[in-house]
Amino acid sequence: MTFFFYGTLCHPALLRVVLGREAVSVPATLADCAVHWAQTGPFPVLAVRAAAKAMGKLVQGLTP
């Protein structure tokens, strides 16, 4: 499986904790989406926005 990670999960040490292992990632963008801070807490969320690009990391080879 391939996943797009953004915001705080682009930090390698945090992503390693979440995944339980090292992961090779490459820079990626998600078209028509933007990263914003959530109104309910200090964490990022994705929002659909035409012509926007959300910056993040792409990780391949993940399993359930």
PDB file of N, CA and C in Angstrom:
ATOM      1  N   MET A   1       0.836  -1.168   0.000  1.00  0.00           N
ATOM      2  CA  MET A   1       0.000   0.000   0.000  1.00  0.00           C
ATOM      3  C   MET A   1       0.889   1.242   0.000  1.00  0.00           C
ATOM      4  N   THR A   2       0.359   2.290  -0.566  1.00  0.00           N
ATOM      5  CA  THR A   2       1.049   3.568  -0.620  1.00  0.00           C
ATOM      6  C   THR A   2       0.218   4.604   0.124  1.00  0.00           C
ATOM      7  N   PHE A   3       0.866   5.400   0.976  1.00  0.00           N
ATOM      8  CA  PHE A   3       0.173   6.424   1.751  1.00  0.00           C
ATOM      9  C   PHE A   3       0.849   7.771   1.570  1.00  0.00           C
ATOM     10  N   PHE A   4       0.041   8.810   1.608  1.00  0.00           N
ATOM     11  CA  PHE A   4       0.508  10.187   1.597  1.00  0.00           C
ATOM     12  C   PHE A   4       0.420  10.708   3.029  1.00  0.00           C
ATOM     13  N   PHE A   5       1.543  11.178   3.570  1.00  0.00           N
ATOM     14  CA  PHE A   5       1.574  11.741   4.913  1.00  0.00           C
ATOM     15  C   PHE A   5       1.867  13.230   4.795  1.00  0.00           C
ATOM     16  N   TYR A   6       1.292  14.015   5.700  1.00  0.00           N
ATOM     17  CA  TYR A   6       1.473  15.463   5.663  1.00  0.00           C
ATOM     18  C   TYR A   6       1.571  15.991   7.092  1.00  0.00           C
ATOM     19  N   GLY A   7       1.897  17.251   7.199  1.00  0.00           N
ATOM     20  CA  GLY A   7       1.951  17.879   8.520  1.00  0.00           C
ATOM     21  C   GLY A   7       2.994  17.239   9.414  1.00  0.00           C
ATOM     22  N   THR A   8       2.614  16.982  10.646  1.00  0.00           N
ATOM     23  CA  THR A   8       3.549  16.466  11.645  1.00  0.00           C
ATOM     24  C   THR A   8       4.091  15.079  11.293  1.00  0.00           C
ATOM     25  N   LEU A   9       3.363  14.318  10.482  1.00  0.00           N
ATOM     26  CA  LEU A   9       3.840  12.981  10.118  1.00  0.00           C
ATOM     27  C   LEU A   9       4.959  13.019   9.072  1.00  0.00           C
ATOM     28  N   CYS A  10       5.330  14.203   8.624  1.00  0.00           N
ATOM     29  CA  CYS A  10       6.504  14.323   7.756  1.00  0.00           C
ATOM     30  C   CYS A  10       7.792  14.303   8.575  1.00  0.00           C
ATOM     31  N   HIS A  11       7.681  14.433   9.880  1.00  0.00           N
ATOM     32  CA  HIS A  11       8.845  14.377  10.761  1.00  0.00           C
ATOM     33  C   HIS A  11       9.267  12.911  10.869  1.00  0.00           C
ATOM     34  N   PRO A  12      10.469  12.548  10.419  1.00  0.00           N
ATOM     35  CA  PRO A  12      10.872  11.139  10.363  1.00  0.00           C
ATOM     36  C   PRO A  12      10.755  10.391  11.689  1.00  0.00           C
ATOM     37  N   ALA A  13      11.131  11.015  12.795  1.00  0.00           N
ATOM     38  CA  ALA A  13      11.073  10.325  14.092  1.00  0.00           C
ATOM     39  C   ALA A  13       9.624  10.015  14.488  1.00  0.00           C
ATOM     40  N   LEU A  14       8.711  10.942  14.253  1.00  0.00           N
ATOM     41  CA  LEU A  14       7.309  10.708  14.584  1.00  0.00           C
ATOM     42  C   LEU A  14       6.711   9.647  13.667  1.00  0.00           C
ATOM     43  N   LEU A  15       7.022   9.705  12.387  1.00  0.00           N
ATOM     44  CA  LEU A  15       6.508   8.694  11.454  1.00  0.00           C
ATOM     45  C   LEU A  15       7.014   7.306  11.833  1.00  0.00           C
ATOM     46  N   ARG A  16       8.263   7.210  12.270  1.00  0.00           N
ATOM     47  CA  ARG A  16       8.827   5.928  12.708  1.00  0.00           C
ATOM     48  C   ARG A  16       8.045   5.374  13.899  1.00  0.00           C
ATOM     49  N   VAL A  17       7.684   6.223  14.847  1.00  0.00           N
ATOM     50  CA  VAL A  17       6.905   5.782  16.011  1.00  0.00           C
ATOM     51  C   VAL A  17       5.514   5.308  15.567  1.00  0.00           C
ATOM     52  N   VAL A  18       4.876   6.058  14.701  1.00  0.00           N
ATOM     53  CA  VAL A  18       3.527   5.710  14.247  1.00  0.00           C
ATOM     54  C   VAL A  18       3.528   4.392  13.468  1.00  0.00           C
ATOM     55  N   LEU A  19       4.505   4.223  12.583  1.00  0.00           N
ATOM     56  CA  LEU A  19       4.552   3.013  11.757  1.00  0.00           C
ATOM     57  C   LEU A  19       5.177   1.823  12.483  1.00  0.00           C
ATOM     58  N   GLY A  20       5.959   2.093  13.515  1.00  0.00           N
ATOM     59  CA  GLY A  20       6.631   1.013  14.218  1.00  0.00           C
ATOM     60  C   GLY A  20       7.882   0.526  13.526  1.00  0.00           C
ATOM     61  N   ARG A  21       8.341   1.277  12.554  1.00  0.00           N
ATOM     62  CA  ARG A  21       9.552   0.915  11.820  1.00  0.00           C
ATOM     63  C   ARG A  21      10.005   2.092  10.979  1.00  0.00           C
ATOM     64  N   GLU A  22      11.220   1.979  10.447  1.00  0.00           N
ATOM     65  CA  GLU A  22      11.731   2.989   9.525  1.00  0.00           C
ATOM     66  C   GLU A  22      10.943   2.906   8.221  1.00  0.00           C
ATOM     67  N   ALA A  23      10.799   4.019   7.558  1.00  0.00           N
ATOM     68  CA  ALA A  23      10.124   4.033   6.261  1.00  0.00           C
ATOM     69  C   ALA A  23      10.868   4.967   5.327  1.00  0.00           C
ATOM     70  N   VAL A  24      11.002   4.546   4.102  1.00  0.00           N
ATOM     71  CA  VAL A  24      11.606   5.395   3.082  1.00  0.00           C
ATOM     72  C   VAL A  24      10.498   6.247   2.492  1.00  0.00           C
ATOM     73  N   SER A  25      10.686   7.552   2.497  1.00  0.00           N
ATOM     74  CA  SER A  25       9.669   8.448   1.956  1.00  0.00           C
ATOM     75  C   SER A  25      10.285   9.346   0.900  1.00  0.00           C
ATOM     76  N   VAL A  26       9.431   9.834   0.020  1.00  0.00           N
ATOM     77  CA  VAL A  26       9.855  10.780  -1.005  1.00  0.00           C
ATOM     78  C   VAL A  26       8.918  11.985  -0.948  1.00  0.00           C
ATOM     79  N   PRO A  27       9.423  13.168  -1.251  1.00  0.00           N
ATOM     80  CA  PRO A  27       8.556  14.338  -1.263  1.00  0.00           C
ATOM     81  C   PRO A  27       7.422  14.156  -2.271  1.00  0.00           C
ATOM     82  N   ALA A  28       6.246  14.659  -1.912  1.00  0.00           N
ATOM     83  CA  ALA A  28       5.082  14.517  -2.783  1.00  0.00           C
ATOM     84  C   ALA A  28       4.118  15.680  -2.556  1.00  0.00           C
ATOM     85  N   THR A  29       3.242  15.881  -3.512  1.00  0.00           N
ATOM     86  CA  THR A  29       2.190  16.878  -3.367  1.00  0.00           C
ATOM     87  C   THR A  29       0.849  16.218  -3.656  1.00  0.00           C
ATOM     88  N   LEU A  30      -0.175  16.694  -2.995  1.00  0.00           N
ATOM     89  CA  LEU A  30      -1.538  16.207  -3.199  1.00  0.00           C
ATOM     90  C   LEU A  30      -2.315  17.349  -3.834  1.00  0.00           C
ATOM     91  N   ALA A  31      -2.725  17.151  -5.077  1.00  0.00           N
ATOM     92  CA  ALA A  31      -3.404  18.201  -5.828  1.00  0.00           C
ATOM     93  C   ALA A  31      -4.796  18.491  -5.275  1.00  0.00           C
ATOM     94  N   ASP A  32      -5.198  19.734  -5.404  1.00  0.00           N
ATOM     95  CA  ASP A  32      -6.525  20.200  -5.008  1.00  0.00           C
ATOM     96  C   ASP A  32      -6.814  20.009  -3.523  1.00  0.00           C
ATOM     97  N   CYS A  33      -5.770  20.035  -2.704  1.00  0.00           N
ATOM     98  CA  CYS A  33      -5.918  19.956  -1.251  1.00  0.00           C
ATOM     99  C   CYS A  33      -4.954  20.956  -0.610  1.00  0.00           C
ATOM    100  N   ALA A  34      -5.325  21.430   0.578  1.00  0.00           N
ATOM    101  CA  ALA A  34      -4.486  22.351   1.330  1.00  0.00           C
ATOM    102  C   ALA A  34      -4.419  21.875   2.776  1.00  0.00           C
ATOM    103  N   VAL A  35      -3.299  22.146   3.432  1.00  0.00           N
ATOM    104  CA  VAL A  35      -3.113  21.788   4.834  1.00  0.00           C
ATOM    105  C   VAL A  35      -3.459  23.016   5.692  1.00  0.00           C
ATOM    106  N   HIS A  36      -4.329  22.810   6.666  1.00  0.00           N
ATOM    107  CA  HIS A  36      -4.738  23.866   7.597  1.00  0.00           C
ATOM    108  C   HIS A  36      -4.633  23.335   9.014  1.00  0.00           C
ATOM    109  N   TRP A  37      -4.568  24.235   9.990  1.00  0.00           N
ATOM    110  CA  TRP A  37      -4.633  23.831  11.396  1.00  0.00           C
ATOM    111  C   TRP A  37      -6.082  23.603  11.773  1.00  0.00           C
ATOM    112  N   ALA A  38      -6.359  22.541  12.497  1.00  0.00           N
ATOM    113  CA  ALA A  38      -7.717  22.226  12.946  1.00  0.00           C
ATOM    114  C   ALA A  38      -8.212  23.290  13.919  1.00  0.00           C
ATOM    115  N   GLN A  39      -9.501  23.574  13.874  1.00  0.00           N
ATOM    116  CA  GLN A  39     -10.092  24.533  14.796  1.00  0.00           C
ATOM    117  C   GLN A  39     -10.215  23.946  16.196  1.00  0.00           C
ATOM    118  N   THR A  40     -10.235  22.608  16.296  1.00  0.00           N
ATOM    119  CA  THR A  40     -10.476  21.951  17.585  1.00  0.00           C
ATOM    120  C   THR A  40      -9.212  21.514  18.304  1.00  0.00           C
ATOM    121  N   GLY A  41      -8.054  21.763  17.717  1.00  0.00           N
ATOM    122  CA  GLY A  41      -6.835  21.332  18.384  1.00  0.00           C
ATOM    123  C   GLY A  41      -5.604  21.665  17.581  1.00  0.00           C
ATOM    124  N   PRO A  42      -4.432  21.434  18.150  1.00  0.00           N
ATOM    125  CA  PRO A  42      -3.172  21.794  17.500  1.00  0.00           C
ATOM    126  C   PRO A  42      -2.658  20.704  16.567  1.00  0.00           C
ATOM    127  N   PHE A  43      -3.418  20.413  15.532  1.00  0.00           N
ATOM    128  CA  PHE A  43      -2.964  19.413  14.571  1.00  0.00           C
ATOM    129  C   PHE A  43      -3.439  19.789  13.174  1.00  0.00           C
ATOM    130  N   PRO A  44      -2.728  19.335  12.147  1.00  0.00           N
ATOM    131  CA  PRO A  44      -3.081  19.704  10.779  1.00  0.00           C
ATOM    132  C   PRO A  44      -4.199  18.819  10.223  1.00  0.00           C
ATOM    133  N   VAL A  45      -4.964  19.397   9.303  1.00  0.00           N
ATOM    134  CA  VAL A  45      -6.012  18.662   8.586  1.00  0.00           C
ATOM    135  C   VAL A  45      -5.928  19.032   7.106  1.00  0.00           C
ATOM    136  N   LEU A  46      -6.430  18.134   6.278  1.00  0.00           N
ATOM    137  CA  LEU A  46      -6.495  18.411   4.844  1.00  0.00           C
ATOM    138  C   LEU A  46      -7.867  18.973   4.503  1.00  0.00           C
ATOM    139  N   ALA A  47      -7.878  19.934   3.600  1.00  0.00           N
ATOM    140  CA  ALA A  47      -9.128  20.493   3.107  1.00  0.00           C
ATOM    141  C   ALA A  47      -9.065  20.532   1.588  1.00  0.00           C
ATOM    142  N   VAL A  48     -10.168  20.199   0.950  1.00  0.00           N
ATOM    143  CA  VAL A  48     -10.236  20.264  -0.510  1.00  0.00           C
ATOM    144  C   VAL A  48     -10.263  21.736  -0.907  1.00  0.00           C
ATOM    145  N   ARG A  49      -9.350  22.110  -1.804  1.00  0.00           N
ATOM    146  CA  ARG A  49      -9.318  23.481  -2.317  1.00  0.00           C
ATOM    147  C   ARG A  49      -8.759  23.433  -3.735  1.00  0.00           C
ATOM    148  N   ALA A  50      -9.587  23.827  -4.687  1.00  0.00           N
ATOM    149  CA  ALA A  50      -9.200  23.788  -6.095  1.00  0.00           C
ATOM    150  C   ALA A  50      -7.899  24.549  -6.328  1.00  0.00           C
ATOM    151  N   ALA A  51      -7.055  23.972  -7.114  1.00  0.00           N
ATOM    152  CA  ALA A  51      -5.773  24.544  -7.541  1.00  0.00           C
ATOM    153  C   ALA A  51      -4.729  24.621  -6.425  1.00  0.00           C
ATOM    154  N   ALA A  52      -5.031  24.137  -5.238  1.00  0.00           N
ATOM    155  CA  ALA A  52      -4.054  24.123  -4.145  1.00  0.00           C
ATOM    156  C   ALA A  52      -3.197  22.864  -4.243  1.00  0.00           C
ATOM    157  N   LYS A  53      -2.084  22.861  -3.511  1.00  0.00           N
ATOM    158  CA  LYS A  53      -1.211  21.689  -3.432  1.00  0.00           C
ATOM    159  C   LYS A  53      -0.779  21.508  -1.992  1.00  0.00           C
ATOM    160  N   ALA A  54      -1.061  20.349  -1.432  1.00  0.00           N
ATOM    161  CA  ALA A  54      -0.612  20.020  -0.080  1.00  0.00           C
ATOM    162  C   ALA A  54       0.737  19.315  -0.192  1.00  0.00           C
ATOM    163  N   MET A  55       1.717  19.819   0.528  1.00  0.00           N
ATOM    164  CA  MET A  55       3.050  19.227   0.524  1.00  0.00           C
ATOM    165  C   MET A  55       3.101  18.116   1.568  1.00  0.00           C
ATOM    166  N   GLY A  56       3.795  17.038   1.229  1.00  0.00           N
ATOM    167  CA  GLY A  56       3.909  15.937   2.166  1.00  0.00           C
ATOM    168  C   GLY A  56       4.948  14.938   1.724  1.00  0.00           C
ATOM    169  N   LYS A  57       4.770  13.715   2.185  1.00  0.00           N
ATOM    170  CA  LYS A  57       5.695  12.611   1.869  1.00  0.00           C
ATOM    171  C   LYS A  57       4.889  11.408   1.418  1.00  0.00           C
ATOM    172  N   LEU A  58       5.403  10.675   0.469  1.00  0.00           N
ATOM    173  CA  LEU A  58       4.784   9.458  -0.021  1.00  0.00           C
ATOM    174  C   LEU A  58       5.613   8.282   0.465  1.00  0.00           C
ATOM    175  N   VAL A  59       4.926   7.301   1.079  1.00  0.00           N
ATOM    176  CA  VAL A  59       5.582   6.100   1.583  1.00  0.00           C
ATOM    177  C   VAL A  59       4.934   4.892   0.908  1.00  0.00           C
ATOM    178  N   GLN A  60       5.751   4.070   0.259  1.00  0.00           N
ATOM    179  CA  GLN A  60       5.253   2.879  -0.420  1.00  0.00           C
ATOM    180  C   GLN A  60       5.637   1.633   0.365  1.00  0.00           C
ATOM    181  N   GLY A  61       4.964   0.524   0.055  1.00  0.00           N
ATOM    182  CA  GLY A  61       5.311  -0.754   0.658  1.00  0.00           C
ATOM    183  C   GLY A  61       4.789  -0.966   2.052  1.00  0.00           C
ATOM    184  N   LEU A  62       3.741  -0.240   2.440  1.00  0.00           N
ATOM    185  CA  LEU A  62       3.163  -0.421   3.771  1.00  0.00           C
ATOM    186  C   LEU A  62       2.163  -1.569   3.767  1.00  0.00           C
ATOM    187  N   THR A  63       1.969  -2.182   4.902  1.00  0.00           N
ATOM    188  CA  THR A  63       1.028  -3.291   5.038  1.00  0.00           C
ATOM    189  C   THR A  63       0.052  -2.979   6.162  1.00  0.00           C
ATOM    190  N   PRO A  64      -1.094  -3.669   6.163  1.00  0.00           N
ATOM    191  CA  PRO A  64      -2.059  -3.429   7.246  1.00  0.00           C
ATOM    192  C   PRO A  64      -1.456  -3.687   8.620  1.00  0.00           C
TER     193      PRO A  64
END
